[in-house]
Structure formats: C-alpha cells, structure tokens
Amino acid sequence: MVLHGHLLLSIYIASLFQLLEAETVRHVFLENRQLCENVEDRIIQHIVHCIESHGRYVQYLKLLLTFVHSDGRSLRKVQQSVMVEVSPRLQFPYPSRRHWIVTYQFSLDTRGSLECC
C-alpha cells in the first residue's frame, strides 16, 4: 500500500497526468498481478478523467489495459472497476473479452505513436 500512497501523491502533485508519466506507471504495473489487483479506484478515476480531458491517447489506454490484464490473465475485479468509471462517462458498452483483445491489438499497432485516437 505504500507504493499506492506515493503513486497518488505523484498524481495529485503534478498539474497534468502527462503521457510519459502514464507510460512510467504502466511499466511499474506491467506483469505485476498483485499490484494490478490492488489498484485503487481513485487512480482509475484519474486516468479516465485524463482520457476525458486530453483525449484517448494510446498511453492512457495501454495503462488501463495493463491494470485489467496481467500475467496473461484478465483481472475481473479491476475490469469491473474500470468499466464502472468508463461506461457512464465515455458511453462505451460493457466490453467482452474480445473487445479487450481488439483494444490491446490496437495499442500494439499504434506503438510509439503520440497522436490522439
């Protein structure tokens, strides 16, 4: 939980959750199932807010995908938390497993791109 405290502190100190910071946070959580399972709703809310404010940049989407899919397995609890935030705000339908795979493939296809979707 100490890491989450520092993560929240860095999120709220920074005026904007920049794309490079999103990439850094993604690498901290990447393939770390225990961290992904314990990600706080406030972090997810902040990332969704960044998507809402700044656009659907690949880095933000890849970060959300990292939270919901770790070590080759989907994390249902985290998926549900993300969808609770994303659905009403961005009006996406509840995604199936196929939707997450398509989103992941999209992120791979656009790797390195800083353009907004």
PDB file of N, CA and C in Angstrom:
ATOM      1  N   MET A   1       0.805  -1.193   0.000  1.00  0.00           N
ATOM      2  CA  MET A   1       0.000   0.000   0.000  1.00  0.00           C
ATOM      3  C   MET A   1       0.850   1.260   0.000  1.00  0.00           C
ATOM      4  N   VAL A   2       2.104   1.145   0.393  1.00  0.00           N
ATOM      5  CA  VAL A   2       2.986   2.312   0.412  1.00  0.00           C
ATOM      6  C   VAL A   2       3.175   2.841  -1.003  1.00  0.00           C
ATOM      7  N   LEU A   3       3.333   1.922  -1.973  1.00  0.00           N
ATOM      8  CA  LEU A   3       3.510   2.343  -3.358  1.00  0.00           C
ATOM      9  C   LEU A   3       2.298   3.124  -3.841  1.00  0.00           C
ATOM     10  N   HIS A   4       1.100   2.659  -3.491  1.00  0.00           N
ATOM     11  CA  HIS A   4      -0.108   3.360  -3.917  1.00  0.00           C
ATOM     12  C   HIS A   4      -0.154   4.769  -3.337  1.00  0.00           C
ATOM     13  N   GLY A   5       0.281   4.942  -2.097  1.00  0.00           N
ATOM     14  CA  GLY A   5       0.316   6.270  -1.481  1.00  0.00           C
ATOM     15  C   GLY A   5       1.233   7.209  -2.233  1.00  0.00           C
ATOM     16  N   HIS A   6       2.421   6.706  -2.603  1.00  0.00           N
ATOM     17  CA  HIS A   6       3.366   7.526  -3.358  1.00  0.00           C
ATOM     18  C   HIS A   6       2.838   7.805  -4.763  1.00  0.00           C
ATOM     19  N   LEU A   7       2.175   6.808  -5.349  1.00  0.00           N
ATOM     20  CA  LEU A   7       1.614   6.985  -6.685  1.00  0.00           C
ATOM     21  C   LEU A   7       0.540   8.061  -6.668  1.00  0.00           C
ATOM     22  N   LEU A   8      -0.350   8.010  -5.692  1.00  0.00           N
ATOM     23  CA  LEU A   8      -1.387   9.032  -5.583  1.00  0.00           C
ATOM     24  C   LEU A   8      -0.782  10.412  -5.362  1.00  0.00           C
ATOM     25  N   LEU A   9       0.240  10.480  -4.540  1.00  0.00           N
ATOM     26  CA  LEU A   9       0.897  11.751  -4.280  1.00  0.00           C
ATOM     27  C   LEU A   9       1.474  12.324  -5.566  1.00  0.00           C
ATOM     28  N   SER A  10       2.138  11.491  -6.355  1.00  0.00           N
ATOM     29  CA  SER A  10       2.728  11.985  -7.599  1.00  0.00           C
ATOM     30  C   SER A  10       1.654  12.396  -8.599  1.00  0.00           C
ATOM     31  N   ILE A  11       0.510  11.713  -8.565  1.00  0.00           N
ATOM     32  CA  ILE A  11      -0.579  12.060  -9.482  1.00  0.00           C
ATOM     33  C   ILE A  11      -1.139  13.436  -9.147  1.00  0.00           C
ATOM     34  N   TYR A  12      -1.382  13.681  -7.869  1.00  0.00           N
ATOM     35  CA  TYR A  12      -2.035  14.931  -7.490  1.00  0.00           C
ATOM     36  C   TYR A  12      -1.081  16.114  -7.409  1.00  0.00           C
ATOM     37  N   ILE A  13       0.216  15.883  -7.244  1.00  0.00           N
ATOM     38  CA  ILE A  13       1.178  16.982  -7.236  1.00  0.00           C
ATOM     39  C   ILE A  13       1.331  17.524  -8.651  1.00  0.00           C
ATOM     40  N   ALA A  14       1.414  16.656  -9.606  1.00  0.00           N
ATOM     41  CA  ALA A  14       1.567  17.081 -11.000  1.00  0.00           C
ATOM     42  C   ALA A  14       0.289  17.775 -11.464  1.00  0.00           C
ATOM     43  N   SER A  15       0.448  18.836 -12.222  1.00  0.00           N
ATOM     44  CA  SER A  15      -0.733  19.552 -12.689  1.00  0.00           C
ATOM     45  C   SER A  15      -1.499  18.741 -13.723  1.00  0.00           C
ATOM     46  N   LEU A  16      -0.823  18.009 -14.546  1.00  0.00           N
ATOM     47  CA  LEU A  16      -1.465  17.136 -15.530  1.00  0.00           C
ATOM     48  C   LEU A  16      -0.776  15.779 -15.513  1.00  0.00           C
ATOM     49  N   PHE A  17      -1.568  14.737 -15.700  1.00  0.00           N
ATOM     50  CA  PHE A  17      -1.015  13.391 -15.768  1.00  0.00           C
ATOM     51  C   PHE A  17      -0.489  13.197 -17.190  1.00  0.00           C
ATOM     52  N   GLN A  18       0.792  13.506 -17.381  1.00  0.00           N
ATOM     53  CA  GLN A  18       1.387  13.527 -18.708  1.00  0.00           C
ATOM     54  C   GLN A  18       1.508  12.126 -19.303  1.00  0.00           C
ATOM     55  N   LEU A  19       1.678  12.095 -20.593  1.00  0.00           N
ATOM     56  CA  LEU A  19       1.762  10.824 -21.311  1.00  0.00           C
ATOM     57  C   LEU A  19       2.974  10.006 -20.874  1.00  0.00           C
ATOM     58  N   LEU A  20       4.093  10.656 -20.640  1.00  0.00           N
ATOM     59  CA  LEU A  20       5.274   9.916 -20.202  1.00  0.00           C
ATOM     60  C   LEU A  20       5.083   9.350 -18.796  1.00  0.00           C
ATOM     61  N   GLU A  21       4.366  10.067 -17.953  1.00  0.00           N
ATOM     62  CA  GLU A  21       4.071   9.555 -16.618  1.00  0.00           C
ATOM     63  C   GLU A  21       3.151   8.340 -16.714  1.00  0.00           C
ATOM     64  N   ALA A  22       2.198   8.380 -17.622  1.00  0.00           N
ATOM     65  CA  ALA A  22       1.307   7.232 -17.820  1.00  0.00           C
ATOM     66  C   ALA A  22       2.121   6.021 -18.255  1.00  0.00           C
ATOM     67  N   GLU A  23       3.088   6.241 -19.127  1.00  0.00           N
ATOM     68  CA  GLU A  23       3.942   5.145 -19.593  1.00  0.00           C
ATOM     69  C   GLU A  23       4.800   4.598 -18.451  1.00  0.00           C
ATOM     70  N   THR A  24       5.310   5.473 -17.605  1.00  0.00           N
ATOM     71  CA  THR A  24       6.120   5.044 -16.459  1.00  0.00           C
ATOM     72  C   THR A  24       5.291   4.218 -15.485  1.00  0.00           C
ATOM     73  N   VAL A  25       4.100   4.703 -15.169  1.00  0.00           N
ATOM     74  CA  VAL A  25       3.218   3.965 -14.254  1.00  0.00           C
ATOM     75  C   VAL A  25       2.853   2.613 -14.860  1.00  0.00           C
ATOM     76  N   ARG A  26       2.629   2.585 -16.166  1.00  0.00           N
ATOM     77  CA  ARG A  26       2.296   1.318 -16.830  1.00  0.00           C
ATOM     78  C   ARG A  26       3.411   0.305 -16.645  1.00  0.00           C
ATOM     79  N   HIS A  27       4.655   0.740 -16.771  1.00  0.00           N
ATOM     80  CA  HIS A  27       5.777  -0.182 -16.608  1.00  0.00           C
ATOM     81  C   HIS A  27       5.938  -0.656 -15.170  1.00  0.00           C
ATOM     82  N   VAL A  28       5.536   0.158 -14.208  1.00  0.00           N
ATOM     83  CA  VAL A  28       5.569  -0.276 -12.809  1.00  0.00           C
ATOM     84  C   VAL A  28       4.559  -1.412 -12.598  1.00  0.00           C
ATOM     85  N   PHE A  29       3.382  -1.287 -13.197  1.00  0.00           N
ATOM     86  CA  PHE A  29       2.326  -2.276 -13.005  1.00  0.00           C
ATOM     87  C   PHE A  29       2.420  -3.451 -13.975  1.00  0.00           C
ATOM     88  N   LEU A  30       3.177  -3.316 -15.044  1.00  0.00           N
ATOM     89  CA  LEU A  30       3.262  -4.325 -16.094  1.00  0.00           C
ATOM     90  C   LEU A  30       3.702  -5.674 -15.528  1.00  0.00           C
ATOM     91  N   GLU A  31       2.919  -6.712 -15.815  1.00  0.00           N
ATOM     92  CA  GLU A  31       3.191  -8.090 -15.390  1.00  0.00           C
ATOM     93  C   GLU A  31       3.353  -8.217 -13.870  1.00  0.00           C
ATOM     94  N   ASN A  32       2.738  -7.331 -13.116  1.00  0.00           N
ATOM     95  CA  ASN A  32       2.762  -7.406 -11.661  1.00  0.00           C
ATOM     96  C   ASN A  32       1.323  -7.554 -11.187  1.00  0.00           C
ATOM     97  N   ARG A  33       0.871  -8.770 -11.169  1.00  0.00           N
ATOM     98  CA  ARG A  33      -0.532  -9.071 -10.896  1.00  0.00           C
ATOM     99  C   ARG A  33      -0.986  -8.561  -9.528  1.00  0.00           C
ATOM    100  N   GLN A  34      -0.139  -8.691  -8.536  1.00  0.00           N
ATOM    101  CA  GLN A  34      -0.518  -8.276  -7.191  1.00  0.00           C
ATOM    102  C   GLN A  34      -0.776  -6.766  -7.132  1.00  0.00           C
ATOM    103  N   LEU A  35       0.066  -5.979  -7.773  1.00  0.00           N
ATOM    104  CA  LEU A  35      -0.166  -4.533  -7.817  1.00  0.00           C
ATOM    105  C   LEU A  35      -1.438  -4.202  -8.586  1.00  0.00           C
ATOM    106  N   CYS A  36      -1.626  -4.872  -9.709  1.00  0.00           N
ATOM    107  CA  CYS A  36      -2.811  -4.602 -10.527  1.00  0.00           C
ATOM    108  C   CYS A  36      -4.099  -4.941  -9.780  1.00  0.00           C
ATOM    109  N   GLU A  37      -4.090  -6.025  -9.027  1.00  0.00           N
ATOM    110  CA  GLU A  37      -5.292  -6.408  -8.279  1.00  0.00           C
ATOM    111  C   GLU A  37      -5.634  -5.400  -7.193  1.00  0.00           C
ATOM    112  N   ASN A  38      -4.648  -4.649  -6.728  1.00  0.00           N
ATOM    113  CA  ASN A  38      -4.865  -3.716  -5.625  1.00  0.00           C
ATOM    114  C   ASN A  38      -4.864  -2.252  -6.054  1.00  0.00           C
ATOM    115  N   VAL A  39      -4.982  -2.004  -7.339  1.00  0.00           N
ATOM    116  CA  VAL A  39      -5.006  -0.610  -7.796  1.00  0.00           C
ATOM    117  C   VAL A  39      -6.263   0.069  -7.239  1.00  0.00           C
ATOM    118  N   GLU A  40      -6.085   1.280  -6.758  1.00  0.00           N
ATOM    119  CA  GLU A  40      -7.198   1.991  -6.130  1.00  0.00           C
ATOM    120  C   GLU A  40      -8.106   2.630  -7.175  1.00  0.00           C
ATOM    121  N   ASP A  41      -9.369   2.747  -6.821  1.00  0.00           N
ATOM    122  CA  ASP A  41     -10.348   3.341  -7.724  1.00  0.00           C
ATOM    123  C   ASP A  41     -10.002   4.786  -8.064  1.00  0.00           C
ATOM    124  N   ARG A  42      -9.375   5.500  -7.122  1.00  0.00           N
ATOM    125  CA  ARG A  42      -9.014   6.898  -7.384  1.00  0.00           C
ATOM    126  C   ARG A  42      -8.017   7.015  -8.528  1.00  0.00           C
ATOM    127  N   ILE A  43      -7.120   6.046  -8.649  1.00  0.00           N
ATOM    128  CA  ILE A  43      -6.150   6.062  -9.744  1.00  0.00           C
ATOM    129  C   ILE A  43      -6.868   5.833 -11.067  1.00  0.00           C
ATOM    130  N   ILE A  44      -7.769   4.864 -11.086  1.00  0.00           N
ATOM    131  CA  ILE A  44      -8.550   4.585 -12.293  1.00  0.00           C
ATOM    132  C   ILE A  44      -9.396   5.800 -12.665  1.00  0.00           C
ATOM    133  N   GLN A  45     -10.037   6.427 -11.679  1.00  0.00           N
ATOM    134  CA  GLN A  45     -10.847   7.613 -11.928  1.00  0.00           C
ATOM    135  C   GLN A  45     -10.013   8.729 -12.542  1.00  0.00           C
ATOM    136  N   HIS A  46      -8.800   8.901 -12.037  1.00  0.00           N
ATOM    137  CA  HIS A  46      -7.936   9.966 -12.551  1.00  0.00           C
ATOM    138  C   HIS A  46      -7.536   9.704 -14.005  1.00  0.00           C
ATOM    139  N   ILE A  47      -7.221   8.463 -14.321  1.00  0.00           N
ATOM    140  CA  ILE A  47      -6.829   8.125 -15.691  1.00  0.00           C
ATOM    141  C   ILE A  47      -8.001   8.318 -16.636  1.00  0.00           C
ATOM    142  N   VAL A  48      -9.187   7.899 -16.219  1.00  0.00           N
ATOM    143  CA  VAL A  48     -10.379   8.095 -17.049  1.00  0.00           C
ATOM    144  C   VAL A  48     -10.633   9.595 -17.237  1.00  0.00           C
ATOM    145  N   HIS A  49     -10.422  10.373 -16.201  1.00  0.00           N
ATOM    146  CA  HIS A  49     -10.574  11.825 -16.323  1.00  0.00           C
ATOM    147  C   HIS A  49      -9.575  12.392 -17.333  1.00  0.00           C
ATOM    148  N   CYS A  50      -8.348  11.874 -17.323  1.00  0.00           N
ATOM    149  CA  CYS A  50      -7.333  12.321 -18.294  1.00  0.00           C
ATOM    150  C   CYS A  50      -7.748  11.969 -19.718  1.00  0.00           C
ATOM    151  N   ILE A  51      -8.316  10.806 -19.891  1.00  0.00           N
ATOM    152  CA  ILE A  51      -8.804  10.410 -21.216  1.00  0.00           C
ATOM    153  C   ILE A  51      -9.915  11.354 -21.649  1.00  0.00           C
ATOM    154  N   GLU A  52     -10.782  11.668 -20.721  1.00  0.00           N
ATOM    155  CA  GLU A  52     -11.892  12.571 -20.991  1.00  0.00           C
ATOM    156  C   GLU A  52     -11.398  13.972 -21.357  1.00  0.00           C
ATOM    157  N   SER A  53     -10.405  14.459 -20.634  1.00  0.00           N
ATOM    158  CA  SER A  53      -9.921  15.828 -20.828  1.00  0.00           C
ATOM    159  C   SER A  53      -8.951  15.976 -21.989  1.00  0.00           C
ATOM    160  N   HIS A  54      -8.033  15.011 -22.120  1.00  0.00           N
ATOM    161  CA  HIS A  54      -6.935  15.169 -23.074  1.00  0.00           C
ATOM    162  C   HIS A  54      -7.123  14.361 -24.349  1.00  0.00           C
ATOM    163  N   GLY A  55      -8.001  13.390 -24.317  1.00  0.00           N
ATOM    164  CA  GLY A  55      -8.218  12.552 -25.490  1.00  0.00           C
ATOM    165  C   GLY A  55      -7.779  11.119 -25.237  1.00  0.00           C
ATOM    166  N   ARG A  56      -8.151  10.245 -26.148  1.00  0.00           N
ATOM    167  CA  ARG A  56      -7.857   8.820 -25.995  1.00  0.00           C
ATOM    168  C   ARG A  56      -6.472   8.489 -26.532  1.00  0.00           C
ATOM    169  N   TYR A  57      -5.484   8.971 -25.857  1.00  0.00           N
ATOM    170  CA  TYR A  57      -4.106   8.671 -26.239  1.00  0.00           C
ATOM    171  C   TYR A  57      -3.793   7.216 -25.922  1.00  0.00           C
ATOM    172  N   VAL A  58      -2.967   6.636 -26.755  1.00  0.00           N
ATOM    173  CA  VAL A  58      -2.602   5.231 -26.623  1.00  0.00           C
ATOM    174  C   VAL A  58      -2.015   4.935 -25.242  1.00  0.00           C
ATOM    175  N   GLN A  59      -1.228   5.844 -24.705  1.00  0.00           N
ATOM    176  CA  GLN A  59      -0.578   5.612 -23.414  1.00  0.00           C
ATOM    177  C   GLN A  59      -1.603   5.436 -22.294  1.00  0.00           C
ATOM    178  N   TYR A  60      -2.658   6.225 -22.301  1.00  0.00           N
ATOM    179  CA  TYR A  60      -3.704   6.085 -21.281  1.00  0.00           C
ATOM    180  C   TYR A  60      -4.441   4.760 -21.441  1.00  0.00           C
ATOM    181  N   LEU A  61      -4.768   4.418 -22.684  1.00  0.00           N
ATOM    182  CA  LEU A  61      -5.492   3.167 -22.941  1.00  0.00           C
ATOM    183  C   LEU A  61      -4.647   1.951 -22.576  1.00  0.00           C
ATOM    184  N   LYS A  62      -3.361   2.006 -22.895  1.00  0.00           N
ATOM    185  CA  LYS A  62      -2.468   0.898 -22.548  1.00  0.00           C
ATOM    186  C   LYS A  62      -2.333   0.757 -21.038  1.00  0.00           C
ATOM    187  N   LEU A  63      -2.347   1.871 -20.317  1.00  0.00           N
ATOM    188  CA  LEU A  63      -2.280   1.818 -18.859  1.00  0.00           C
ATOM    189  C   LEU A  63      -3.517   1.139 -18.289  1.00  0.00           C
ATOM    190  N   LEU A  64      -4.693   1.505 -18.768  1.00  0.00           N
ATOM    191  CA  LEU A  64      -5.914   0.836 -18.307  1.00  0.00           C
ATOM    192  C   LEU A  64      -5.889  -0.650 -18.661  1.00  0.00           C
ATOM    193  N   LEU A  65      -5.413  -0.969 -19.843  1.00  0.00           N
ATOM    194  CA  LEU A  65      -5.322  -2.366 -20.260  1.00  0.00           C
ATOM    195  C   LEU A  65      -4.345  -3.135 -19.385  1.00  0.00           C
ATOM    196  N   THR A  66      -3.259  -2.507 -18.966  1.00  0.00           N
ATOM    197  CA  THR A  66      -2.294  -3.146 -18.065  1.00  0.00           C
ATOM    198  C   THR A  66      -2.943  -3.478 -16.735  1.00  0.00           C
ATOM    199  N   PHE A  67      -3.793  -2.574 -16.248  1.00  0.00           N
ATOM    200  CA  PHE A  67      -4.491  -2.824 -14.979  1.00  0.00           C
ATOM    201  C   PHE A  67      -5.418  -4.031 -15.072  1.00  0.00           C
ATOM    202  N   VAL A  68      -6.101  -4.203 -16.195  1.00  0.00           N
ATOM    203  CA  VAL A  68      -7.128  -5.245 -16.293  1.00  0.00           C
ATOM    204  C   VAL A  68      -6.604  -6.581 -16.807  1.00  0.00           C
ATOM    205  N   HIS A  69      -5.376  -6.612 -17.300  1.00  0.00           N
ATOM    206  CA  HIS A  69      -4.836  -7.857 -17.872  1.00  0.00           C
ATOM    207  C   HIS A  69      -3.378  -7.994 -17.454  1.00  0.00           C
ATOM    208  N   SER A  70      -3.089  -8.940 -16.563  1.00  0.00           N
ATOM    209  CA  SER A  70      -1.727  -9.102 -16.067  1.00  0.00           C
ATOM    210  C   SER A  70      -1.333 -10.570 -16.056  1.00  0.00           C
ATOM    211  N   ASP A  71      -0.092 -10.841 -16.366  1.00  0.00           N
ATOM    212  CA  ASP A  71       0.440 -12.207 -16.392  1.00  0.00           C
ATOM    213  C   ASP A  71      -0.407 -13.139 -17.256  1.00  0.00           C
ATOM    214  N   GLY A  72      -0.918 -12.609 -18.361  1.00  0.00           N
ATOM    215  CA  GLY A  72      -1.706 -13.424 -19.278  1.00  0.00           C
ATOM    216  C   GLY A  72      -3.109 -13.745 -18.794  1.00  0.00           C
ATOM    217  N   ARG A  73      -3.551 -13.095 -17.723  1.00  0.00           N
ATOM    218  CA  ARG A  73      -4.889 -13.364 -17.180  1.00  0.00           C
ATOM    219  C   ARG A  73      -5.653 -12.070 -16.996  1.00  0.00           C
ATOM    220  N   SER A  74      -6.943 -12.151 -17.234  1.00  0.00           N
ATOM    221  CA  SER A  74      -7.801 -10.998 -17.004  1.00  0.00           C
ATOM    222  C   SER A  74      -8.131 -10.898 -15.531  1.00  0.00           C
ATOM    223  N   LEU A  75      -8.145  -9.694 -15.019  1.00  0.00           N
ATOM    224  CA  LEU A  75      -8.466  -9.441 -13.613  1.00  0.00           C
ATOM    225  C   LEU A  75      -9.871  -8.864 -13.556  1.00  0.00           C
ATOM    226  N   ARG A  76     -10.845  -9.715 -13.258  1.00  0.00           N
ATOM    227  CA  ARG A  76     -12.259  -9.339 -13.300  1.00  0.00           C
ATOM    228  C   ARG A  76     -12.600  -8.171 -12.383  1.00  0.00           C
ATOM    229  N   LYS A  77     -12.058  -8.177 -11.190  1.00  0.00           N
ATOM    230  CA  LYS A  77     -12.375  -7.115 -10.228  1.00  0.00           C
ATOM    231  C   LYS A  77     -11.928  -5.757 -10.770  1.00  0.00           C
ATOM    232  N   VAL A  78     -10.738  -5.724 -11.334  1.00  0.00           N
ATOM    233  CA  VAL A  78     -10.212  -4.471 -11.873  1.00  0.00           C
ATOM    234  C   VAL A  78     -10.965  -4.084 -13.146  1.00  0.00           C
ATOM    235  N   GLN A  79     -11.304  -5.075 -13.965  1.00  0.00           N
ATOM    236  CA  GLN A  79     -12.110  -4.805 -15.155  1.00  0.00           C
ATOM    237  C   GLN A  79     -13.419  -4.134 -14.765  1.00  0.00           C
ATOM    238  N   GLN A  80     -14.044  -4.666 -13.733  1.00  0.00           N
ATOM    239  CA  GLN A  80     -15.312  -4.105 -13.278  1.00  0.00           C
ATOM    240  C   GLN A  80     -15.124  -2.665 -12.802  1.00  0.00           C
ATOM    241  N   SER A  81     -14.058  -2.403 -12.063  1.00  0.00           N
ATOM    242  CA  SER A  81     -13.784  -1.038 -11.579  1.00  0.00           C
ATOM    243  C   SER A  81     -13.565  -0.074 -12.741  1.00  0.00           C
ATOM    244  N   VAL A  82     -12.822  -0.520 -13.744  1.00  0.00           N
ATOM    245  CA  VAL A  82     -12.579   0.333 -14.908  1.00  0.00           C
ATOM    246  C   VAL A  82     -13.888   0.594 -15.648  1.00  0.00           C
ATOM    247  N   MET A  83     -14.697  -0.431 -15.828  1.00  0.00           N
ATOM    248  CA  MET A  83     -15.938  -0.264 -16.573  1.00  0.00           C
ATOM    249  C   MET A  83     -16.951   0.588 -15.823  1.00  0.00           C
ATOM    250  N   VAL A  84     -16.933   0.535 -14.504  1.00  0.00           N
ATOM    251  CA  VAL A  84     -17.815   1.394 -13.716  1.00  0.00           C
ATOM    252  C   VAL A  84     -17.474   2.856 -14.000  1.00  0.00           C
ATOM    253  N   GLU A  85     -16.191   3.159 -14.167  1.00  0.00           N
ATOM    254  CA  GLU A  85     -15.767   4.526 -14.453  1.00  0.00           C
ATOM    255  C   GLU A  85     -15.958   4.901 -15.916  1.00  0.00           C
ATOM    256  N   VAL A  86     -15.626   3.993 -16.806  1.00  0.00           N
ATOM    257  CA  VAL A  86     -15.615   4.308 -18.231  1.00  0.00           C
ATOM    258  C   VAL A  86     -17.017   4.357 -18.829  1.00  0.00           C
ATOM    259  N   SER A  87     -17.862   3.421 -18.495  1.00  0.00           N
ATOM    260  CA  SER A  87     -19.165   3.303 -19.154  1.00  0.00           C
ATOM    261  C   SER A  87     -20.020   4.562 -19.081  1.00  0.00           C
ATOM    262  N   PRO A  88     -20.290   5.105 -17.898  1.00  0.00           N
ATOM    263  CA  PRO A  88     -21.170   6.280 -17.881  1.00  0.00           C
ATOM    264  C   PRO A  88     -20.530   7.536 -18.467  1.00  0.00           C
ATOM    265  N   ARG A  89     -19.230   7.682 -18.322  1.00  0.00           N
ATOM    266  CA  ARG A  89     -18.566   8.900 -18.771  1.00  0.00           C
ATOM    267  C   ARG A  89     -18.329   8.920 -20.270  1.00  0.00           C
ATOM    268  N   LEU A  90     -17.844   7.813 -20.808  1.00  0.00           N
ATOM    269  CA  LEU A  90     -17.493   7.771 -22.223  1.00  0.00           C
ATOM    270  C   LEU A  90     -18.504   7.021 -23.064  1.00  0.00           C
ATOM    271  N   GLN A  91     -19.502   6.487 -22.422  1.00  0.00           N
ATOM    272  CA  GLN A  91     -20.604   5.791 -23.063  1.00  0.00           C
ATOM    273  C   GLN A  91     -20.142   4.640 -23.954  1.00  0.00           C
ATOM    274  N   PHE A  92     -19.247   3.813 -23.402  1.00  0.00           N
ATOM    275  CA  PHE A  92     -18.846   2.585 -24.074  1.00  0.00           C
ATOM    276  C   PHE A  92     -19.749   1.472 -23.570  1.00  0.00           C
ATOM    277  N   PRO A  93     -20.130   0.545 -24.418  1.00  0.00           N
ATOM    278  CA  PRO A  93     -20.862  -0.617 -23.915  1.00  0.00           C
ATOM    279  C   PRO A  93     -19.930  -1.500 -23.091  1.00  0.00           C
ATOM    280  N   TYR A  94     -20.478  -2.324 -22.241  1.00  0.00           N
ATOM    281  CA  TYR A  94     -19.657  -3.235 -21.443  1.00  0.00           C
ATOM    282  C   TYR A  94     -18.922  -4.169 -22.386  1.00  0.00           C
ATOM    283  N   PRO A  95     -17.607  -4.169 -22.357  1.00  0.00           N
ATOM    284  CA  PRO A  95     -16.847  -4.936 -23.342  1.00  0.00           C
ATOM    285  C   PRO A  95     -16.775  -6.428 -23.014  1.00  0.00           C
ATOM    286  N   SER A  96     -16.710  -7.171 -24.053  1.00  0.00           N
ATOM    287  CA  SER A  96     -16.473  -8.602 -23.913  1.00  0.00           C
ATOM    288  C   SER A  96     -14.965  -8.825 -23.903  1.00  0.00           C
ATOM    289  N   ARG A  97     -14.579 -10.057 -23.704  1.00  0.00           N
ATOM    290  CA  ARG A  97     -13.154 -10.392 -23.746  1.00  0.00           C
ATOM    291  C   ARG A  97     -12.564 -10.011 -25.099  1.00  0.00           C
ATOM    292  N   ARG A  98     -13.325 -10.212 -26.151  1.00  0.00           N
ATOM    293  CA  ARG A  98     -12.866  -9.879 -27.493  1.00  0.00           C
ATOM    294  C   ARG A  98     -12.571  -8.379 -27.605  1.00  0.00           C
ATOM    295  N   HIS A  99     -13.387  -7.556 -26.969  1.00  0.00           N
ATOM    296  CA  HIS A  99     -13.172  -6.108 -27.006  1.00  0.00           C
ATOM    297  C   HIS A  99     -11.818  -5.738 -26.420  1.00  0.00           C
ATOM    298  N   TRP A 100     -11.454  -6.362 -25.298  1.00  0.00           N
ATOM    299  CA  TRP A 100     -10.161  -6.069 -24.682  1.00  0.00           C
ATOM    300  C   TRP A 100      -9.023  -6.520 -25.588  1.00  0.00           C
ATOM    301  N   ILE A 101      -9.193  -7.651 -26.273  1.00  0.00           N
ATOM    302  CA  ILE A 101      -8.156  -8.142 -27.181  1.00  0.00           C
ATOM    303  C   ILE A 101      -7.985  -7.180 -28.350  1.00  0.00           C
ATOM    304  N   VAL A 102      -9.097  -6.696 -28.901  1.00  0.00           N
ATOM    305  CA  VAL A 102      -9.034  -5.740 -30.008  1.00  0.00           C
ATOM    306  C   VAL A 102      -8.362  -4.447 -29.544  1.00  0.00           C
ATOM    307  N   THR A 103      -8.697  -3.991 -28.346  1.00  0.00           N
ATOM    308  CA  THR A 103      -8.075  -2.783 -27.805  1.00  0.00           C
ATOM    309  C   THR A 103      -6.571  -2.988 -27.647  1.00  0.00           C
ATOM    310  N   TYR A 104      -6.185  -4.158 -27.142  1.00  0.00           N
ATOM    311  CA  TYR A 104      -4.765  -4.464 -26.972  1.00  0.00           C
ATOM    312  C   TYR A 104      -4.049  -4.492 -28.317  1.00  0.00           C
ATOM    313  N   GLN A 105      -4.661  -5.136 -29.323  1.00  0.00           N
ATOM    314  CA  GLN A 105      -4.047  -5.188 -30.644  1.00  0.00           C
ATOM    315  C   GLN A 105      -3.921  -3.787 -31.236  1.00  0.00           C
ATOM    316  N   PHE A 106      -4.931  -2.955 -30.992  1.00  0.00           N
ATOM    317  CA  PHE A 106      -4.869  -1.571 -31.449  1.00  0.00           C
ATOM    318  C   PHE A 106      -3.688  -0.854 -30.814  1.00  0.00           C
ATOM    319  N   SER A 107      -3.486  -1.073 -29.524  1.00  0.00           N
ATOM    320  CA  SER A 107      -2.380  -0.402 -28.842  1.00  0.00           C
ATOM    321  C   SER A 107      -1.039  -0.884 -29.384  1.00  0.00           C
ATOM    322  N   LEU A 108      -0.951  -2.158 -29.764  1.00  0.00           N
ATOM    323  CA  LEU A 108       0.290  -2.674 -30.352  1.00  0.00           C
ATOM    324  C   LEU A 108       0.531  -2.067 -31.734  1.00  0.00           C
ATOM    325  N   ASP A 109      -0.562  -1.907 -32.506  1.00  0.00           N
ATOM    326  CA  ASP A 109      -0.438  -1.349 -33.843  1.00  0.00           C
ATOM    327  C   ASP A 109       0.004   0.094 -33.811  1.00  0.00           C
ATOM    328  N   THR A 110      -0.347   0.815 -32.762  1.00  0.00           N
ATOM    329  CA  THR A 110      -0.027   2.234 -32.684  1.00  0.00           C
ATOM    330  C   THR A 110       1.137   2.504 -31.753  1.00  0.00           C
ATOM    331  N   ARG A 111       1.912   1.498 -31.433  1.00  0.00           N
ATOM    332  CA  ARG A 111       3.036   1.622 -30.503  1.00  0.00           C
ATOM    333  C   ARG A 111       3.967   2.767 -30.932  1.00  0.00           C
ATOM    334  N   GLY A 112       4.300   3.582 -29.973  1.00  0.00           N
ATOM    335  CA  GLY A 112       5.210   4.684 -30.240  1.00  0.00           C
ATOM    336  C   GLY A 112       4.529   5.932 -30.763  1.00  0.00           C
ATOM    337  N   SER A 113       3.260   5.845 -31.045  1.00  0.00           N
ATOM    338  CA  SER A 113       2.544   6.996 -31.585  1.00  0.00           C
ATOM    339  C   SER A 113       2.090   7.900 -30.454  1.00  0.00           C
ATOM    340  N   LEU A 114       2.285   9.185 -30.605  1.00  0.00           N
ATOM    341  CA  LEU A 114       1.813  10.144 -29.613  1.00  0.00           C
ATOM    342  C   LEU A 114       0.572  10.872 -30.104  1.00  0.00           C
ATOM    343  N   GLU A 115       0.014  10.413 -31.212  1.00  0.00           N
ATOM    344  CA  GLU A 115      -1.159  11.060 -31.746  1.00  0.00           C
ATOM    345  C   GLU A 115      -2.394  10.623 -30.969  1.00  0.00           C
ATOM    346  N   CYS A 116      -3.359  11.494 -30.944  1.00  0.00           N
ATOM    347  CA  CYS A 116      -4.623  11.187 -30.282  1.00  0.00           C
ATOM    348  C   CYS A 116      -5.447  10.310 -31.219  1.00  0.00           C
ATOM    349  N   CYS A 117      -6.208   9.377 -30.632  1.00  0.00           N
ATOM    350  CA  CYS A 117      -7.052   8.474 -31.437  1.00  0.00           C
ATOM    351  C   CYS A 117      -8.187   9.228 -32.057  1.00  0.00           C
TER     352      CYS A 117
END
